[in-house]
Amino acid sequence: TDKGQLSVEVKEFVLLSRCLRPIPSSYYGFSDTEERFRNRPLDFIINKQKKEIFFTRHQLIKNIRQFLEEKKFIEIETPILVSEASGAQAKPFITHHNKLHRDFYLRIATEIPLKKLLVGGFEKIYEIGRIFRNEGIDARHNPEFTTVEVYQAYENAEYMMNLTEELFHYLAEKVFRQQTEFTFNSYNISLKKPFRRLSMIEAIREHTNIDFAKINGLEEAYKLAQKYNLKLEKFQKTTGHVILAFFEEYVEQKLIQPTFIYDYPVEVSPLAKSKPENEKVADRFELYLGGLEFANGYSELNDPAEQKKRFEEQTKQKELGNEEIASFDKEFLEALEYGMPPAGGLGIGIDRLIMLFAEQNSIKEVIAFPQLK
């Protein structure tokens, strides 16, 4: 205009979309947490910073794929509707197939079909996919969530531990330009140093001064649990369950900086291979940051006779009231009987990974449409 104001001279006007609801002003905002999650479109319109989380999510998932593909892994999709809920300890969702006149489960893990692919001759495979568990909802858990599971033939738990740490550093470098400090769960988390590695027994000893290496038998372990007022269910009457109970009660929430915990009791690791020098210890690890588990991996059990024995022991736990015990998977046992190569396996919860890198303390912030109570 003559006064230098940039203006548009309208010659034709076409309405592309109608807004029938008033948008709250930026002055008053839209900050009610529960209402934000129930009305995500409005949340993203008003709270632009919440929208940015999903650009971060996209970049992280893209770079996870790039990291694995640079190492010659291939992604293979496996079924969501499955005949047996196996591969993890979780209560499944059940659905019904009308034409087949039978119930199916929504998968609780991608582990079993991916290991069947190992039997079939695929050596480096992974899948990024949705998992469904009929369990609680809170700031750390959502009934449907995303994981990446990775399997490599002729490798083991130690290889997968190294791969996990390498992936975290890769993501920090590629997505965040070598940023190594993140605020998560009210803690300053540093990815700069090599991740600490402790056996479960060492970690318990460090935080409680209790040395389970010197505990002889279930009776002594159970008396110790009673002394510390640890509540154990009927299906938890093994030394391994007592060790895990101590770890979860006195150690887990104190693992703030990146820490690998390895050497899990075999009783709580039904799909993991035992250590050669001690059949009571599984060659398994988990990664903890900010007091939360981020990754789980192990040397895969590939002996069908031993796997059958483990499934039978799990079935006994189910009969004693453990609703999270997986199904007795006969098809998987049959696949193992054809011969599965020794392998390392790894599972990482992608939503929690994004919580860390996007510096969010609620899983609902990193899922576009979270489930609500």
Protein backbone atom coordinates (compact mmCIF):
# COMPACT_ATOMS: atom_id res chain seq x y z
CA THR A 1 0.00 0.00 0.00
CA ASP A 2 1.00 3.65 -0.08
CA LYS A 3 1.99 3.38 3.57
CA GLY A 4 4.25 0.36 2.90
CA GLN A 5 2.00 -2.27 4.53
CA LEU A 6 2.10 -5.63 2.78
CA SER A 7 -1.47 -6.47 1.75
CA VAL A 8 -3.30 -8.97 -0.43
CA GLU A 9 -5.81 -7.81 -3.03
CA VAL A 10 -8.46 -10.54 -3.11
CA LYS A 11 -9.97 -11.22 -6.52
CA GLU A 12 -11.41 -14.65 -5.78
CA PHE A 13 -12.10 -16.45 -2.47
CA VAL A 14 -12.50 -20.24 -2.12
CA LEU A 15 -13.26 -21.83 1.26
CA LEU A 16 -10.97 -24.86 1.69
CA SER A 17 -12.13 -25.98 5.13
CA ARG A 18 -14.62 -24.88 7.78
CA CYS A 19 -13.78 -24.35 11.45
CA LEU A 20 -16.98 -24.88 13.43
CA ARG A 21 -15.36 -24.84 16.86
CA PRO A 22 -13.55 -21.84 18.32
CA ILE A 23 -9.82 -22.32 18.87
CA PRO A 24 -8.71 -21.27 22.39
CA SER A 25 -6.58 -18.14 22.30
CA SER A 26 -2.84 -18.42 22.77
CA TYR A 27 -3.26 -16.22 25.86
CA TYR A 28 -5.35 -18.75 27.74
CA GLY A 29 -3.70 -21.75 26.08
CA PHE A 30 -4.65 -25.40 26.35
CA SER A 31 -2.78 -26.88 29.28
CA ASP A 32 -5.09 -29.38 31.00
CA THR A 33 -3.02 -32.58 30.63
CA GLU A 34 -5.90 -35.04 30.52
CA GLU A 35 -7.87 -32.91 28.07
CA ARG A 36 -4.81 -32.43 25.85
CA PHE A 37 -4.40 -36.19 25.40
CA ARG A 38 -8.12 -36.65 24.73
CA ASN A 39 -8.11 -33.91 22.09
CA ARG A 40 -4.79 -34.32 20.33
CA PRO A 41 -5.65 -32.32 17.17
CA LEU A 42 -6.34 -29.24 19.28
CA ASP A 43 -3.25 -29.94 21.40
CA PHE A 44 -1.01 -29.95 18.32
CA ILE A 45 -2.68 -26.78 16.93
CA ILE A 46 -2.04 -24.79 20.09
CA ASN A 47 1.02 -26.43 21.66
CA LYS A 48 3.52 -26.39 18.82
CA GLN A 49 6.30 -27.80 21.02
CA LYS A 50 4.28 -31.00 21.51
CA LYS A 51 4.10 -31.39 17.76
CA GLU A 52 7.90 -31.17 17.55
CA ILE A 53 8.21 -34.37 19.63
CA PHE A 54 6.87 -36.35 16.67
CA PHE A 55 9.42 -34.93 14.27
CA THR A 56 12.01 -36.16 16.77
CA ARG A 57 10.25 -39.53 16.93
CA HIS A 58 10.33 -39.82 13.14
CA GLN A 59 14.05 -39.00 12.99
CA LEU A 60 14.91 -41.50 15.74
CA ILE A 61 13.01 -44.38 14.13
CA LYS A 62 14.44 -43.54 10.72
CA ASN A 63 17.96 -43.61 12.15
CA ILE A 64 17.37 -46.87 14.03
CA ARG A 65 16.54 -48.43 10.66
CA GLN A 66 19.54 -46.77 9.04
CA PHE A 67 21.86 -48.02 11.81
CA LEU A 68 20.67 -51.61 11.41
CA GLU A 69 20.65 -51.55 7.63
CA GLU A 70 24.23 -50.24 7.58
CA LYS A 71 25.06 -53.45 9.47
CA LYS A 72 23.22 -55.54 6.82
CA PHE A 73 20.15 -56.39 8.90
CA ILE A 74 16.88 -56.76 7.03
CA GLU A 75 13.43 -55.93 8.39
CA ILE A 76 10.72 -58.59 8.15
CA GLU A 77 7.16 -58.01 9.35
CA THR A 78 5.58 -60.71 11.49
CA PRO A 79 1.91 -61.31 12.43
CA ILE A 80 0.03 -59.20 14.96
CA LEU A 81 -2.77 -61.77 15.27
CA VAL A 82 -1.20 -64.91 16.74
CA SER A 83 -2.45 -68.28 17.90
CA GLU A 84 -0.22 -68.29 21.01
CA ALA A 85 0.69 -65.33 23.23
CA SER A 86 4.38 -66.05 23.73
CA GLY A 87 7.76 -64.37 23.66
CA ALA A 88 7.36 -62.36 26.87
CA GLN A 89 5.70 -62.37 30.27
CA ALA A 90 2.54 -60.30 29.83
CA LYS A 91 -1.23 -60.65 29.90
CA PRO A 92 -2.53 -60.58 26.30
CA PHE A 93 -5.55 -59.08 24.58
CA ILE A 94 -7.88 -61.71 23.10
CA THR A 95 -9.89 -61.30 19.92
CA HIS A 96 -12.11 -63.59 17.85
CA HIS A 97 -11.89 -64.52 14.16
CA ASN A 98 -15.42 -65.02 12.89
CA LYS A 99 -14.63 -67.05 9.77
CA LEU A 100 -12.19 -69.37 11.51
CA HIS A 101 -14.41 -69.67 14.60
CA ARG A 102 -11.48 -69.34 16.95
CA ASP A 103 -9.81 -66.89 19.31
CA PHE A 104 -6.53 -65.16 18.55
CA TYR A 105 -4.25 -62.99 20.64
CA LEU A 106 -2.70 -59.64 19.83
CA ARG A 107 1.03 -60.27 19.99
CA ILE A 108 2.87 -59.46 23.22
CA ALA A 109 6.28 -59.61 21.50
CA THR A 110 7.80 -60.21 18.06
CA GLU A 111 10.40 -62.61 19.44
CA ILE A 112 8.98 -66.02 18.55
CA PRO A 113 8.25 -65.45 14.81
CA LEU A 114 11.60 -63.70 14.36
CA LYS A 115 13.38 -66.70 15.90
CA LYS A 116 11.44 -68.98 13.56
CA LEU A 117 13.01 -66.94 10.76
CA LEU A 118 16.44 -67.74 12.24
CA VAL A 119 15.49 -71.41 11.92
CA GLY A 120 14.54 -70.70 8.30
CA GLY A 121 18.03 -69.43 7.48
CA PHE A 122 17.77 -65.65 7.93
CA GLU A 123 20.84 -64.56 9.90
CA LYS A 124 20.46 -60.80 10.53
CA ILE A 125 16.86 -59.67 11.02
CA TYR A 126 14.84 -57.08 12.91
CA GLU A 127 11.33 -55.70 13.18
CA ILE A 128 9.97 -52.37 14.38
CA GLY A 129 6.37 -52.97 15.34
CA ARG A 130 3.46 -52.44 17.70
CA ILE A 131 3.10 -54.67 20.75
CA PHE A 132 -0.06 -55.11 22.82
CA ARG A 133 -0.20 -55.99 26.53
CA ASN A 134 -3.41 -56.07 28.57
CA GLU A 135 -1.89 -54.34 31.57
CA GLY A 136 -1.87 -51.05 33.47
CA ILE A 137 -1.69 -47.49 32.18
CA ASP A 138 0.63 -44.95 33.77
CA ALA A 139 3.37 -42.47 32.93
CA ARG A 140 5.70 -45.30 31.85
CA HIS A 141 3.29 -47.84 30.33
CA ASN A 142 0.75 -47.85 27.50
CA PRO A 143 -1.25 -50.96 26.48
CA GLU A 144 0.04 -50.63 22.91
CA PHE A 145 3.62 -49.56 22.33
CA THR A 146 6.43 -49.86 19.80
CA THR A 147 9.55 -52.00 20.03
CA VAL A 148 12.49 -52.93 17.87
CA GLU A 149 13.69 -56.51 18.16
CA VAL A 150 17.00 -57.54 16.59
CA TYR A 151 18.43 -61.05 16.07
CA GLN A 152 21.78 -62.13 14.72
CA ALA A 153 22.83 -65.73 14.21
CA TYR A 154 26.19 -66.87 15.61
CA GLU A 155 26.37 -64.00 18.11
CA ASN A 156 25.54 -63.75 21.81
CA ALA A 157 24.39 -61.48 24.66
CA GLU A 158 27.71 -59.64 24.88
CA TYR A 159 27.54 -58.73 21.19
CA MET A 160 23.99 -57.43 21.67
CA MET A 161 25.07 -55.41 24.71
CA ASN A 162 27.75 -53.73 22.60
CA LEU A 163 25.25 -53.19 19.77
CA THR A 164 22.81 -51.51 22.17
CA GLU A 165 25.40 -49.05 23.45
CA GLU A 166 26.57 -48.34 19.91
CA LEU A 167 22.97 -47.60 18.84
CA PHE A 168 22.45 -45.06 21.65
CA HIS A 169 25.65 -43.25 20.69
CA TYR A 170 24.71 -43.38 16.99
CA LEU A 171 21.32 -41.78 17.65
CA ALA A 172 22.86 -39.05 19.81
CA GLU A 173 25.34 -38.28 17.01
CA LYS A 174 23.02 -38.46 14.01
CA VAL A 175 19.83 -36.92 15.40
CA PHE A 176 21.20 -34.58 18.08
CA ARG A 177 24.60 -33.67 16.61
CA GLN A 178 26.61 -35.44 19.30
CA GLN A 179 24.58 -34.14 22.24
CA THR A 180 25.41 -36.42 25.17
CA GLU A 181 23.43 -34.87 28.07
CA PHE A 182 19.66 -35.34 28.39
CA THR A 183 17.22 -34.49 31.18
CA PHE A 184 14.97 -37.45 31.85
CA ASN A 185 12.81 -38.45 34.81
CA SER A 186 14.19 -35.41 36.71
CA TYR A 187 17.77 -36.65 36.25
CA ASN A 188 20.64 -35.43 34.09
CA ILE A 189 21.53 -38.49 32.00
CA SER A 190 24.94 -38.63 30.35
CA LEU A 191 25.68 -40.87 27.38
CA LYS A 192 29.27 -39.66 27.22
CA LYS A 193 31.02 -42.34 29.26
CA PRO A 194 30.96 -46.08 28.47
CA PHE A 195 27.85 -47.63 29.97
CA ARG A 196 28.45 -49.29 33.33
CA ARG A 197 28.13 -53.09 33.52
CA LEU A 198 27.20 -55.01 36.67
CA SER A 199 25.91 -58.49 37.35
CA MET A 200 22.56 -58.58 39.16
CA ILE A 201 24.18 -60.07 42.27
CA GLU A 202 26.88 -57.36 42.24
CA ALA A 203 24.23 -54.64 41.93
CA ILE A 204 22.24 -56.04 44.88
CA ARG A 205 25.41 -56.30 46.96
CA GLU A 206 26.34 -52.72 46.13
CA HIS A 207 22.98 -51.30 47.23
CA THR A 208 22.04 -53.63 50.11
CA ASN A 209 25.28 -55.33 51.27
CA ILE A 210 23.53 -58.68 50.67
CA ASP A 211 25.66 -61.18 48.75
CA PHE A 212 23.51 -63.81 47.08
CA ALA A 213 26.68 -65.60 45.96
CA LYS A 214 26.93 -66.74 49.59
CA ILE A 215 23.26 -67.70 50.00
CA ASN A 216 22.82 -71.47 50.09
CA GLY A 217 19.49 -72.70 48.82
CA LEU A 218 15.89 -71.52 48.66
CA GLU A 219 15.20 -71.74 52.39
CA GLU A 220 17.95 -69.26 53.25
CA ALA A 221 16.91 -66.94 50.41
CA TYR A 222 13.25 -67.09 51.43
CA LYS A 223 14.05 -66.25 55.07
CA LEU A 224 16.02 -63.25 53.82
CA ALA A 225 13.00 -62.11 51.78
CA GLN A 226 10.78 -62.40 54.86
CA LYS A 227 13.28 -60.41 56.92
CA TYR A 228 13.11 -57.57 54.37
CA ASN A 229 9.30 -57.81 54.10
CA LEU A 230 9.36 -58.68 50.41
CA LYS A 231 5.98 -59.97 49.30
CA LEU A 232 6.31 -63.08 47.17
CA GLU A 233 3.47 -64.77 45.30
CA LYS A 234 2.95 -68.54 45.31
CA PHE A 235 4.67 -68.85 41.93
CA GLN A 236 7.77 -66.96 43.14
CA LYS A 237 9.13 -69.60 45.50
CA THR A 238 12.53 -70.02 43.87
CA THR A 239 15.91 -68.49 44.68
CA GLY A 240 15.90 -66.74 41.29
CA HIS A 241 12.58 -65.05 42.04
CA VAL A 242 13.90 -63.88 45.41
CA ILE A 243 17.00 -62.39 43.76
CA LEU A 244 14.85 -60.57 41.19
CA ALA A 245 12.52 -59.29 43.95
CA PHE A 246 15.49 -57.79 45.82
CA PHE A 247 16.76 -56.20 42.62
CA GLU A 248 13.39 -54.66 41.73
CA GLU A 249 12.78 -53.37 45.25
CA TYR A 250 16.22 -52.03 46.21
CA VAL A 251 18.23 -51.50 43.02
CA GLU A 252 16.22 -50.80 39.88
CA GLN A 253 15.09 -47.25 40.68
CA LYS A 254 18.64 -46.29 41.73
CA LEU A 255 20.17 -47.06 38.32
CA ILE A 256 20.21 -43.52 36.99
CA GLN A 257 23.17 -43.35 34.60
CA PRO A 258 23.25 -45.91 31.75
CA THR A 259 23.88 -49.30 33.35
CA PHE A 260 23.78 -52.82 31.94
CA ILE A 261 22.64 -55.42 34.46
CA TYR A 262 23.60 -58.94 33.36
CA ASP A 263 23.50 -62.52 34.67
CA TYR A 264 19.80 -62.87 35.42
CA PRO A 265 18.36 -65.88 37.26
CA VAL A 266 17.36 -68.55 34.77
CA GLU A 267 13.96 -68.96 36.48
CA VAL A 268 12.90 -65.52 35.20
CA SER A 269 14.53 -65.89 31.77
CA PRO A 270 12.70 -68.79 30.06
CA LEU A 271 13.90 -68.00 26.52
CA ALA A 272 17.55 -67.28 27.34
CA LYS A 273 20.47 -69.69 27.22
CA SER A 274 22.17 -70.56 30.51
CA LYS A 275 25.78 -69.56 31.08
CA PRO A 276 28.14 -72.47 30.27
CA GLU A 277 29.76 -72.31 33.69
CA ASN A 278 26.50 -72.02 35.69
CA GLU A 279 23.17 -73.42 34.48
CA LYS A 280 21.27 -71.38 37.11
CA VAL A 281 22.35 -68.09 35.52
CA ALA A 282 20.96 -66.85 32.20
CA ASP A 283 23.23 -65.16 29.67
CA ARG A 284 20.95 -62.13 29.69
CA PHE A 285 21.16 -58.37 30.25
CA GLU A 286 18.92 -55.34 30.61
CA LEU A 287 19.81 -51.67 30.16
CA TYR A 288 18.62 -49.16 32.77
CA LEU A 289 18.55 -45.34 32.63
CA GLY A 290 16.79 -42.98 35.01
CA GLY A 291 15.55 -45.94 37.04
CA LEU A 292 13.74 -47.52 34.09
CA GLU A 293 14.42 -50.52 31.85
CA PHE A 294 15.17 -49.57 28.24
CA ALA A 295 16.47 -52.76 26.63
CA ASN A 296 16.48 -56.52 27.16
CA GLY A 297 18.76 -58.98 25.41
CA TYR A 298 20.29 -62.42 25.70
CA SER A 299 21.93 -65.38 24.11
CA GLU A 300 18.94 -67.23 22.66
CA LEU A 301 18.07 -70.67 23.97
CA ASN A 302 18.16 -73.03 20.96
CA ASP A 303 17.94 -76.44 22.63
CA PRO A 304 14.36 -77.73 22.06
CA ALA A 305 14.52 -80.17 24.98
CA GLU A 306 15.62 -77.47 27.41
CA GLN A 307 13.06 -75.02 25.97
CA LYS A 308 10.28 -77.57 26.50
CA LYS A 309 11.42 -78.01 30.11
CA ARG A 310 11.36 -74.23 30.63
CA PHE A 311 7.85 -73.98 29.15
CA GLU A 312 6.67 -76.75 31.48
CA GLU A 313 8.10 -74.88 34.48
CA GLN A 314 6.35 -71.72 33.30
CA THR A 315 3.06 -73.62 33.01
CA LYS A 316 3.37 -74.61 36.67
CA GLN A 317 3.75 -70.93 37.55
CA LYS A 318 0.62 -70.15 35.55
CA GLU A 319 -1.31 -72.78 37.51
CA LEU A 320 -0.17 -71.05 40.71
CA GLY A 321 -1.73 -67.77 39.59
CA ASN A 322 0.82 -65.98 37.40
CA GLU A 323 -1.40 -64.42 34.70
CA GLU A 324 1.59 -63.02 32.80
CA ILE A 325 3.06 -66.40 31.86
CA ALA A 326 3.25 -66.94 28.11
CA SER A 327 1.48 -69.75 26.29
CA PHE A 328 3.10 -73.16 25.90
CA ASP A 329 4.11 -72.63 22.27
CA LYS A 330 4.20 -76.04 20.58
CA GLU A 331 4.77 -74.56 17.12
CA PHE A 332 7.91 -72.81 18.34
CA LEU A 333 9.23 -76.02 19.89
CA GLU A 334 8.63 -77.81 16.60
CA ALA A 335 10.56 -75.09 14.76
CA LEU A 336 13.47 -75.44 17.20
CA GLU A 337 13.59 -79.16 16.45
CA TYR A 338 14.69 -78.34 12.90
CA GLY A 339 17.71 -76.58 14.40
CA MET A 340 18.13 -72.89 15.26
CA PRO A 341 21.66 -71.49 15.14
CA PRO A 342 23.06 -69.93 18.30
CA ALA A 343 22.07 -66.29 18.24
CA GLY A 344 21.96 -63.04 20.14
CA GLY A 345 18.67 -61.22 20.55
CA LEU A 346 17.78 -57.69 21.60
CA GLY A 347 14.57 -55.78 22.31
CA ILE A 348 14.34 -52.01 22.88
CA GLY A 349 11.20 -50.08 23.82
CA ILE A 350 11.10 -47.28 21.28
CA ASP A 351 8.62 -45.11 23.20
CA ARG A 352 10.88 -44.97 26.25
CA LEU A 353 13.85 -44.32 23.98
CA ILE A 354 12.01 -41.30 22.57
CA MET A 355 11.08 -40.18 26.10
CA LEU A 356 14.81 -40.01 26.87
CA PHE A 357 15.92 -38.21 23.72
CA ALA A 358 12.90 -35.86 23.61
CA GLU A 359 13.30 -35.24 27.37
CA GLN A 360 9.74 -36.22 28.26
CA ASN A 361 8.69 -37.84 31.54
CA SER A 362 5.38 -39.30 30.33
CA ILE A 363 4.99 -41.96 27.65
CA LYS A 364 1.73 -40.26 26.62
CA GLU A 365 3.68 -37.29 25.28
CA VAL A 366 5.56 -39.43 22.74
CA ILE A 367 2.54 -41.44 21.51
CA ALA A 368 0.25 -39.49 19.20
CA PHE A 369 -2.94 -41.06 20.56
CA PRO A 370 -2.25 -42.68 23.94
CA GLN A 371 -4.76 -44.86 25.76
CA LEU A 372 -6.41 -43.12 28.71
CA LYS A 373 -8.13 -44.35 31.82
